[in-house]
Full PDB file with SEQRES, HELIX, SHEET, SSBOND, CRYST1, ORIGX, SCALE, CONECT and MASTER records, all heavy atoms in Angstrom:
SEQRES   1 A   31  LYS ARG PHE ASP VAL VAL TYR HIS PHE LEU SER PRO ARG          
SEQRES   2 A   31  ILE ASN GLN ARG VAL ARG VAL LYS ALA ALA LEU GLY GLU          
SEQRES   3 A   31  ASN GLU THR ILE ALA                                          
SHEET    1 AA1 2 PHE A   3  SER A  11  0                                        
SHEET    2 AA1 2 GLN A  16  LEU A  24 -1                                        
CRYST1    1.000    1.000    1.000  90.00  90.00  90.00 P 1           1          
ORIGX1      1.000000  0.000000  0.000000        0.00000                         
ORIGX2      0.000000  1.000000  0.000000        0.00000                         
ORIGX3      0.000000  0.000000  1.000000        0.00000                         
SCALE1      1.000000  0.000000  0.000000        0.00000                         
SCALE2      0.000000  1.000000  0.000000        0.00000                         
SCALE3      0.000000  0.000000  1.000000        0.00000                         
ATOM      1  N   LYS A   1    -143.959  67.557 155.482  1.00  0.00           N  
ATOM      2  CA  LYS A   1    -145.092  66.948 154.709  1.00  0.00           C  
ATOM      3  C   LYS A   1    -145.742  65.807 155.620  1.00  0.00           C  
ATOM      4  O   LYS A   1    -145.261  64.678 155.393  1.00  0.00           O  
ATOM      5  CB  LYS A   1    -144.712  66.443 153.328  1.00  0.00           C  
ATOM      6  CG  LYS A   1    -144.201  67.485 152.435  1.00  0.00           C  
ATOM      7  CD  LYS A   1    -145.249  68.280 151.818  1.00  0.00           C  
ATOM      8  CE  LYS A   1    -144.640  69.384 150.721  1.00  0.00           C  
ATOM      9  NZ  LYS A   1    -145.693  70.148 150.119  1.00  0.00           N  
ATOM     10  N   ARG A   2    -146.571  66.248 156.387  1.00  0.00           N  
ATOM     11  CA  ARG A   2    -147.045  65.299 157.421  1.00  0.00           C  
ATOM     12  C   ARG A   2    -147.754  64.100 156.929  1.00  0.00           C  
ATOM     13  O   ARG A   2    -147.579  62.963 157.548  1.00  0.00           O  
ATOM     14  CB  ARG A   2    -148.067  66.079 158.377  1.00  0.00           C  
ATOM     15  CG  ARG A   2    -148.681  65.167 159.477  1.00  0.00           C  
ATOM     16  CD  ARG A   2    -149.445  65.908 160.480  1.00  0.00           C  
ATOM     17  NE  ARG A   2    -150.012  65.055 161.503  1.00  0.00           N  
ATOM     18  CZ  ARG A   2    -150.492  65.402 162.636  1.00  0.00           C  
ATOM     19  NH1 ARG A   2    -150.667  66.657 162.960  1.00  0.00           N  
ATOM     20  NH2 ARG A   2    -150.868  64.525 163.555  1.00  0.00           N  
ATOM     21  N   PHE A   3    -148.439  64.046 155.813  1.00  0.00           N  
ATOM     22  CA  PHE A   3    -149.245  62.924 155.453  1.00  0.00           C  
ATOM     23  C   PHE A   3    -148.713  62.352 154.091  1.00  0.00           C  
ATOM     24  O   PHE A   3    -148.201  63.013 153.202  1.00  0.00           O  
ATOM     25  CB  PHE A   3    -150.697  63.291 155.206  1.00  0.00           C  
ATOM     26  CG  PHE A   3    -151.392  63.881 156.370  1.00  0.00           C  
ATOM     27  CD1 PHE A   3    -151.605  65.123 156.485  1.00  0.00           C  
ATOM     28  CD2 PHE A   3    -151.677  62.919 157.418  1.00  0.00           C  
ATOM     29  CE1 PHE A   3    -152.162  65.591 157.748  1.00  0.00           C  
ATOM     30  CE2 PHE A   3    -152.285  63.410 158.560  1.00  0.00           C  
ATOM     31  CZ  PHE A   3    -152.571  64.800 158.764  1.00  0.00           C  
ATOM     32  N   ASP A   4    -148.853  61.023 153.955  1.00  0.00           N  
ATOM     33  CA  ASP A   4    -148.771  60.460 152.661  1.00  0.00           C  
ATOM     34  C   ASP A   4    -150.134  60.020 152.291  1.00  0.00           C  
ATOM     35  O   ASP A   4    -150.815  59.161 153.126  1.00  0.00           O  
ATOM     36  CB  ASP A   4    -147.855  59.193 152.701  1.00  0.00           C  
ATOM     37  CG  ASP A   4    -146.439  59.419 152.557  1.00  0.00           C  
ATOM     38  OD1 ASP A   4    -146.083  60.567 152.033  1.00  0.00           O  
ATOM     39  OD2 ASP A   4    -145.592  58.694 153.124  1.00  0.00           O  
ATOM     40  N   VAL A   5    -150.727  60.591 151.241  1.00  0.00           N  
ATOM     41  CA  VAL A   5    -152.021  60.051 150.766  1.00  0.00           C  
ATOM     42  C   VAL A   5    -151.839  58.942 149.839  1.00  0.00           C  
ATOM     43  O   VAL A   5    -150.932  59.024 148.996  1.00  0.00           O  
ATOM     44  CB  VAL A   5    -152.790  61.141 150.059  1.00  0.00           C  
ATOM     45  CG1 VAL A   5    -154.222  60.816 149.556  1.00  0.00           C  
ATOM     46  CG2 VAL A   5    -152.926  62.511 150.862  1.00  0.00           C  
ATOM     47  N   VAL A   6    -152.482  57.776 150.106  1.00  0.00           N  
ATOM     48  CA  VAL A   6    -152.060  56.576 149.437  1.00  0.00           C  
ATOM     49  C   VAL A   6    -153.322  56.010 148.708  1.00  0.00           C  
ATOM     50  O   VAL A   6    -154.464  55.878 149.207  1.00  0.00           O  
ATOM     51  CB  VAL A   6    -151.741  55.545 150.534  1.00  0.00           C  
ATOM     52  CG1 VAL A   6    -151.046  54.317 149.743  1.00  0.00           C  
ATOM     53  CG2 VAL A   6    -150.580  56.010 151.371  1.00  0.00           C  
ATOM     54  N   TYR A   7    -153.026  55.704 147.388  1.00  0.00           N  
ATOM     55  CA  TYR A   7    -154.125  55.143 146.524  1.00  0.00           C  
ATOM     56  C   TYR A   7    -153.750  53.745 146.065  1.00  0.00           C  
ATOM     57  O   TYR A   7    -152.485  53.543 145.806  1.00  0.00           O  
ATOM     58  CB  TYR A   7    -154.296  56.177 145.332  1.00  0.00           C  
ATOM     59  CG  TYR A   7    -154.488  57.450 145.470  1.00  0.00           C  
ATOM     60  CD1 TYR A   7    -153.467  58.383 145.960  1.00  0.00           C  
ATOM     61  CD2 TYR A   7    -155.852  58.083 145.442  1.00  0.00           C  
ATOM     62  CE1 TYR A   7    -153.730  59.762 146.161  1.00  0.00           C  
ATOM     63  CE2 TYR A   7    -156.045  59.393 145.699  1.00  0.00           C  
ATOM     64  CZ  TYR A   7    -155.065  60.280 146.015  1.00  0.00           C  
ATOM     65  OH  TYR A   7    -155.307  61.599 146.291  1.00  0.00           O  
ATOM     66  N   HIS A   8    -154.670  52.898 145.938  1.00  0.00           N  
ATOM     67  CA  HIS A   8    -154.467  51.534 145.383  1.00  0.00           C  
ATOM     68  C   HIS A   8    -155.382  51.305 144.081  1.00  0.00           C  
ATOM     69  O   HIS A   8    -156.597  51.628 144.312  1.00  0.00           O  
ATOM     70  CB  HIS A   8    -154.736  50.406 146.394  1.00  0.00           C  
ATOM     71  CG  HIS A   8    -153.781  50.587 147.523  1.00  0.00           C  
ATOM     72  ND1 HIS A   8    -154.005  51.210 148.691  1.00  0.00           N  
ATOM     73  CD2 HIS A   8    -152.585  49.929 147.678  1.00  0.00           C  
ATOM     74  CE1 HIS A   8    -152.996  51.121 149.572  1.00  0.00           C  
ATOM     75  NE2 HIS A   8    -152.128  50.393 148.901  1.00  0.00           N  
ATOM     76  N   PHE A   9    -154.652  50.951 143.068  1.00  0.00           N  
ATOM     77  CA  PHE A   9    -155.449  50.617 141.838  1.00  0.00           C  
ATOM     78  C   PHE A   9    -155.208  49.345 141.294  1.00  0.00           C  
ATOM     79  O   PHE A   9    -154.132  48.646 141.589  1.00  0.00           O  
ATOM     80  CB  PHE A   9    -155.038  51.636 140.714  1.00  0.00           C  
ATOM     81  CG  PHE A   9    -155.182  53.198 141.081  1.00  0.00           C  
ATOM     82  CD1 PHE A   9    -154.065  53.911 141.577  1.00  0.00           C  
ATOM     83  CD2 PHE A   9    -156.329  53.717 140.890  1.00  0.00           C  
ATOM     84  CE1 PHE A   9    -154.119  55.157 141.838  1.00  0.00           C  
ATOM     85  CE2 PHE A   9    -156.498  55.145 141.292  1.00  0.00           C  
ATOM     86  CZ  PHE A   9    -155.328  55.765 141.637  1.00  0.00           C  
ATOM     87  N   LEU A  10    -156.253  48.831 140.505  1.00  0.00           N  
ATOM     88  CA  LEU A  10    -156.258  47.418 140.066  1.00  0.00           C  
ATOM     89  C   LEU A  10    -156.461  47.525 138.492  1.00  0.00           C  
ATOM     90  O   LEU A  10    -157.275  48.201 138.017  1.00  0.00           O  
ATOM     91  CB  LEU A  10    -157.208  46.462 140.651  1.00  0.00           C  
ATOM     92  CG  LEU A  10    -157.470  45.203 139.994  1.00  0.00           C  
ATOM     93  CD1 LEU A  10    -156.232  44.276 140.200  1.00  0.00           C  
ATOM     94  CD2 LEU A  10    -158.630  44.428 140.624  1.00  0.00           C  
ATOM     95  N   SER A  11    -155.584  46.753 137.727  1.00  0.00           N  
ATOM     96  CA  SER A  11    -155.778  46.598 136.302  1.00  0.00           C  
ATOM     97  C   SER A  11    -156.173  45.210 136.046  1.00  0.00           C  
ATOM     98  O   SER A  11    -155.294  44.358 135.950  1.00  0.00           O  
ATOM     99  CB  SER A  11    -154.572  47.015 135.571  1.00  0.00           C  
ATOM    100  OG  SER A  11    -154.765  46.713 134.176  1.00  0.00           O  
ATOM    101  N   PRO A  12    -157.408  44.873 135.773  1.00  0.00           N  
ATOM    102  CA  PRO A  12    -157.713  43.584 135.332  1.00  0.00           C  
ATOM    103  C   PRO A  12    -157.229  43.105 134.005  1.00  0.00           C  
ATOM    104  O   PRO A  12    -156.882  41.972 133.847  1.00  0.00           O  
ATOM    105  CB  PRO A  12    -159.369  43.514 135.182  1.00  0.00           C  
ATOM    106  CG  PRO A  12    -159.754  44.823 136.106  1.00  0.00           C  
ATOM    107  CD  PRO A  12    -158.635  45.761 135.837  1.00  0.00           C  
ATOM    108  N   ARG A  13    -156.991  44.082 133.058  1.00  0.00           N  
ATOM    109  CA  ARG A  13    -156.459  43.758 131.987  1.00  0.00           C  
ATOM    110  C   ARG A  13    -154.963  43.352 131.925  1.00  0.00           C  
ATOM    111  O   ARG A  13    -154.725  42.138 131.239  1.00  0.00           O  
ATOM    112  CB  ARG A  13    -156.479  44.976 130.995  1.00  0.00           C  
ATOM    113  CG  ARG A  13    -155.870  44.836 129.543  1.00  0.00           C  
ATOM    114  CD  ARG A  13    -156.597  43.819 128.694  1.00  0.00           C  
ATOM    115  NE  ARG A  13    -157.958  44.303 128.579  1.00  0.00           N  
ATOM    116  CZ  ARG A  13    -158.364  45.004 127.544  1.00  0.00           C  
ATOM    117  NH1 ARG A  13    -157.460  45.511 126.635  1.00  0.00           N  
ATOM    118  NH2 ARG A  13    -159.665  45.496 127.398  1.00  0.00           N  
ATOM    119  N   ILE A  14    -154.141  43.861 132.676  1.00  0.00           N  
ATOM    120  CA  ILE A  14    -152.721  43.348 132.826  1.00  0.00           C  
ATOM    121  C   ILE A  14    -152.528  42.571 134.203  1.00  0.00           C  
ATOM    122  O   ILE A  14    -151.492  42.173 134.376  1.00  0.00           O  
ATOM    123  CB  ILE A  14    -151.706  44.441 132.612  1.00  0.00           C  
ATOM    124  CG1 ILE A  14    -151.969  45.487 133.905  1.00  0.00           C  
ATOM    125  CG2 ILE A  14    -151.799  45.196 131.379  1.00  0.00           C  
ATOM    126  CD1 ILE A  14    -150.726  46.515 133.972  1.00  0.00           C  
ATOM    127  N   ASN A  15    -153.618  42.488 134.961  1.00  0.00           N  
ATOM    128  CA  ASN A  15    -153.712  41.611 136.171  1.00  0.00           C  
ATOM    129  C   ASN A  15    -152.471  42.172 137.092  1.00  0.00           C  
ATOM    130  O   ASN A  15    -151.629  41.389 137.508  1.00  0.00           O  
ATOM    131  CB  ASN A  15    -153.355  40.128 135.865  1.00  0.00           C  
ATOM    132  CG  ASN A  15    -153.684  39.273 137.086  1.00  0.00           C  
ATOM    133  OD1 ASN A  15    -154.372  39.652 137.987  1.00  0.00           O  
ATOM    134  ND2 ASN A  15    -152.955  38.110 137.000  1.00  0.00           N  
ATOM    135  N   GLN A  16    -152.464  43.441 137.355  1.00  0.00           N  
ATOM    136  CA  GLN A  16    -151.525  44.043 138.212  1.00  0.00           C  
ATOM    137  C   GLN A  16    -152.181  45.070 139.165  1.00  0.00           C  
ATOM    138  O   GLN A  16    -153.162  45.621 138.865  1.00  0.00           O  
ATOM    139  CB  GLN A  16    -150.347  44.716 137.360  1.00  0.00           C  
ATOM    140  CG  GLN A  16    -149.467  43.817 136.628  1.00  0.00           C  
ATOM    141  CD  GLN A  16    -148.694  42.723 137.414  1.00  0.00           C  
ATOM    142  OE1 GLN A  16    -148.579  42.938 138.614  1.00  0.00           O  
ATOM    143  NE2 GLN A  16    -148.181  41.740 136.795  1.00  0.00           N  
ATOM    144  N   ARG A  17    -151.496  45.401 140.179  1.00  0.00           N  
ATOM    145  CA  ARG A  17    -151.983  46.410 141.127  1.00  0.00           C  
ATOM    146  C   ARG A  17    -150.785  47.428 141.155  1.00  0.00           C  
ATOM    147  O   ARG A  17    -149.674  47.114 141.023  1.00  0.00           O  
ATOM    148  CB  ARG A  17    -152.139  45.797 142.594  1.00  0.00           C  
ATOM    149  CG  ARG A  17    -153.295  44.808 142.544  1.00  0.00           C  
ATOM    150  CD  ARG A  17    -153.316  44.161 143.861  1.00  0.00           C  
ATOM    151  NE  ARG A  17    -154.489  43.123 144.058  1.00  0.00           N  
ATOM    152  CZ  ARG A  17    -155.614  43.328 144.572  1.00  0.00           C  
ATOM    153  NH1 ARG A  17    -155.965  44.415 145.087  1.00  0.00           N  
ATOM    154  NH2 ARG A  17    -156.448  42.242 144.526  1.00  0.00           N  
ATOM    155  N   VAL A  18    -151.170  48.748 141.557  1.00  0.00           N  
ATOM    156  CA  VAL A  18    -150.197  49.737 141.761  1.00  0.00           C  
ATOM    157  C   VAL A  18    -150.616  50.601 142.967  1.00  0.00           C  
ATOM    158  O   VAL A  18    -151.768  50.826 143.120  1.00  0.00           O  
ATOM    159  CB  VAL A  18    -149.941  50.581 140.568  1.00  0.00           C  
ATOM    160  CG1 VAL A  18    -151.248  51.359 140.153  1.00  0.00           C  
ATOM    161  CG2 VAL A  18    -148.794  51.580 140.711  1.00  0.00           C  
ATOM    162  N   ARG A  19    -149.544  50.889 143.805  1.00  0.00           N  
ATOM    163  CA  ARG A  19    -149.884  51.794 144.911  1.00  0.00           C  
ATOM    164  C   ARG A  19    -149.237  53.213 144.597  1.00  0.00           C  
ATOM    165  O   ARG A  19    -148.139  53.310 144.016  1.00  0.00           O  
ATOM    166  CB  ARG A  19    -149.160  51.319 146.203  1.00  0.00           C  
ATOM    167  CG  ARG A  19    -149.297  52.223 147.437  1.00  0.00           C  
ATOM    168  CD  ARG A  19    -148.456  51.708 148.563  1.00  0.00           C  
ATOM    169  NE  ARG A  19    -148.894  50.445 149.076  1.00  0.00           N  
ATOM    170  CZ  ARG A  19    -148.183  49.274 148.898  1.00  0.00           C  
ATOM    171  NH1 ARG A  19    -146.881  49.477 148.260  1.00  0.00           N  
ATOM    172  NH2 ARG A  19    -148.572  48.171 149.378  1.00  0.00           N  
ATOM    173  N   VAL A  20    -150.075  54.218 144.745  1.00  0.00           N  
ATOM    174  CA  VAL A  20    -149.604  55.648 144.477  1.00  0.00           C  
ATOM    175  C   VAL A  20    -149.560  56.352 145.677  1.00  0.00           C  
ATOM    176  O   VAL A  20    -150.582  56.377 146.475  1.00  0.00           O  
ATOM    177  CB  VAL A  20    -150.383  56.283 143.380  1.00  0.00           C  
ATOM    178  CG1 VAL A  20    -149.996  57.655 143.137  1.00  0.00           C  
ATOM    179  CG2 VAL A  20    -150.391  55.517 142.093  1.00  0.00           C  
ATOM    180  N   LYS A  21    -148.370  57.054 145.970  1.00  0.00           N  
ATOM    181  CA  LYS A  21    -148.391  57.933 147.255  1.00  0.00           C  
ATOM    182  C   LYS A  21    -148.039  59.232 146.816  1.00  0.00           C  
ATOM    183  O   LYS A  21    -147.268  59.579 145.893  1.00  0.00           O  
ATOM    184  CB  LYS A  21    -147.214  57.416 148.081  1.00  0.00           C  
ATOM    185  CG  LYS A  21    -147.415  55.848 148.681  1.00  0.00           C  
ATOM    186  CD  LYS A  21    -146.480  55.616 149.849  1.00  0.00           C  
ATOM    187  CE  LYS A  21    -145.109  55.898 149.639  1.00  0.00           C  
ATOM    188  NZ  LYS A  21    -144.222  55.522 150.775  1.00  0.00           N  
ATOM    189  N   ALA A  22    -148.671  60.311 147.574  1.00  0.00           N  
ATOM    190  CA  ALA A  22    -148.351  61.612 147.396  1.00  0.00           C  
ATOM    191  C   ALA A  22    -148.289  62.342 148.719  1.00  0.00           C  
ATOM    192  O   ALA A  22    -149.132  62.239 149.645  1.00  0.00           O  
ATOM    193  CB  ALA A  22    -149.528  62.293 146.550  1.00  0.00           C  
ATOM    194  N   ALA A  23    -147.023  63.027 148.992  1.00  0.00           N  
ATOM    195  CA  ALA A  23    -146.869  63.748 150.207  1.00  0.00           C  
ATOM    196  C   ALA A  23    -147.594  64.876 150.349  1.00  0.00           C  
ATOM    197  O   ALA A  23    -147.750  65.823 149.321  1.00  0.00           O  
ATOM    198  CB  ALA A  23    -145.331  63.960 150.445  1.00  0.00           C  
ATOM    199  N   LEU A  24    -148.185  65.257 151.485  1.00  0.00           N  
ATOM    200  CA  LEU A  24    -149.079  66.357 151.642  1.00  0.00           C  
ATOM    201  C   LEU A  24    -148.830  67.085 152.999  1.00  0.00           C  
ATOM    202  O   LEU A  24    -148.816  66.320 153.982  1.00  0.00           O  
ATOM    203  CB  LEU A  24    -150.565  65.949 151.587  1.00  0.00           C  
ATOM    204  CG  LEU A  24    -151.583  67.083 151.291  1.00  0.00           C  
ATOM    205  CD1 LEU A  24    -151.383  67.585 149.948  1.00  0.00           C  
ATOM    206  CD2 LEU A  24    -152.985  66.426 151.555  1.00  0.00           C  
ATOM    207  N   GLY A  25    -148.725  68.407 153.063  1.00  0.00           N  
ATOM    208  CA  GLY A  25    -148.639  69.075 154.327  1.00  0.00           C  
ATOM    209  C   GLY A  25    -150.017  69.166 155.144  1.00  0.00           C  
ATOM    210  O   GLY A  25    -151.062  68.998 154.433  1.00  0.00           O  
ATOM    211  N   GLU A  26    -149.938  69.371 156.314  1.00  0.00           N  
ATOM    212  CA  GLU A  26    -151.106  69.416 157.170  1.00  0.00           C  
ATOM    213  C   GLU A  26    -152.106  70.412 156.797  1.00  0.00           C  
ATOM    214  O   GLU A  26    -153.344  70.140 156.813  1.00  0.00           O  
ATOM    215  CB  GLU A  26    -150.712  69.644 158.630  1.00  0.00           C  
ATOM    216  CG  GLU A  26    -151.926  69.551 159.616  1.00  0.00           C  
ATOM    217  CD  GLU A  26    -151.466  69.585 161.119  1.00  0.00           C  
ATOM    218  OE1 GLU A  26    -150.154  69.669 161.333  1.00  0.00           O  
ATOM    219  OE2 GLU A  26    -152.302  69.534 162.028  1.00  0.00           O  
ATOM    220  N   ASN A  27    -151.688  71.524 156.245  1.00  0.00           N  
ATOM    221  CA  ASN A  27    -152.577  72.468 155.887  1.00  0.00           C  
ATOM    222  C   ASN A  27    -152.784  72.766 154.367  1.00  0.00           C  
ATOM    223  O   ASN A  27    -153.414  73.596 153.813  1.00  0.00           O  
ATOM    224  CB  ASN A  27    -152.041  73.952 156.428  1.00  0.00           C  
ATOM    225  CG  ASN A  27    -152.040  73.931 157.981  1.00  0.00           C  
ATOM    226  OD1 ASN A  27    -152.995  73.605 158.593  1.00  0.00           O  
ATOM    227  ND2 ASN A  27    -150.947  74.530 158.421  1.00  0.00           N  
ATOM    228  N   GLU A  28    -152.424  71.614 153.672  1.00  0.00           N  
ATOM    229  CA  GLU A  28    -152.497  71.645 152.188  1.00  0.00           C  
ATOM    230  C   GLU A  28    -153.698  70.611 151.820  1.00  0.00           C  
ATOM    231  O   GLU A  28    -154.190  69.874 152.673  1.00  0.00           O  
ATOM    232  CB  GLU A  28    -151.253  71.030 151.641  1.00  0.00           C  
ATOM    233  CG  GLU A  28    -149.933  71.861 151.858  1.00  0.00           C  
ATOM    234  CD  GLU A  28    -148.665  71.287 151.193  1.00  0.00           C  
ATOM    235  OE1 GLU A  28    -148.722  70.047 150.804  1.00  0.00           O  
ATOM    236  OE2 GLU A  28    -147.682  72.043 151.145  1.00  0.00           O  
ATOM    237  N   THR A  29    -154.084  70.878 150.682  1.00  0.00           N  
ATOM    238  CA  THR A  29    -155.278  70.073 150.109  1.00  0.00           C  
ATOM    239  C   THR A  29    -154.696  69.344 148.966  1.00  0.00           C  
ATOM    240  O   THR A  29    -153.729  69.688 148.216  1.00  0.00           O  
ATOM    241  CB  THR A  29    -156.313  70.983 149.671  1.00  0.00           C  
ATOM    242  OG1 THR A  29    -156.037  71.873 148.688  1.00  0.00           O  
ATOM    243  CG2 THR A  29    -157.011  71.728 150.943  1.00  0.00           C  
ATOM    244  N   ILE A  30    -155.517  68.332 148.485  1.00  0.00           N  
ATOM    245  CA  ILE A  30    -155.264  67.497 147.328  1.00  0.00           C  
ATOM    246  C   ILE A  30    -156.467  67.490 146.496  1.00  0.00           C  
ATOM    247  O   ILE A  30    -157.586  67.378 146.983  1.00  0.00           O  
ATOM    248  CB  ILE A  30    -154.709  66.098 147.619  1.00  0.00           C  
ATOM    249  CG1 ILE A  30    -154.050  65.464 146.440  1.00  0.00           C  
ATOM    250  CG2 ILE A  30    -155.665  65.294 148.383  1.00  0.00           C  
ATOM    251  CD1 ILE A  30    -153.262  64.258 146.705  1.00  0.00           C  
ATOM    252  N   ALA A  31    -156.411  67.456 145.287  1.00  0.00           N  
ATOM    253  CA  ALA A  31    -157.545  67.302 144.281  1.00  0.00           C  
ATOM    254  C   ALA A  31    -158.325  66.013 144.393  1.00  0.00           C  
ATOM    255  O   ALA A  31    -157.635  64.898 144.549  1.00  0.00           O  
ATOM    256  CB  ALA A  31    -157.231  67.462 142.839  1.00  0.00           C  
TER     257      ALA A  31                                                      
MASTER        0    0    0    0    2    0    0    6  256    1    0    3          
END                                                                             
């Protein structure tokens, strides 16, 4: 799974951040 697609989100309500990672193959797609 060549890639980690990485997302960063912020919640002003709870004053926190979260990083989300999803492994993806070179010939695969993600929504």
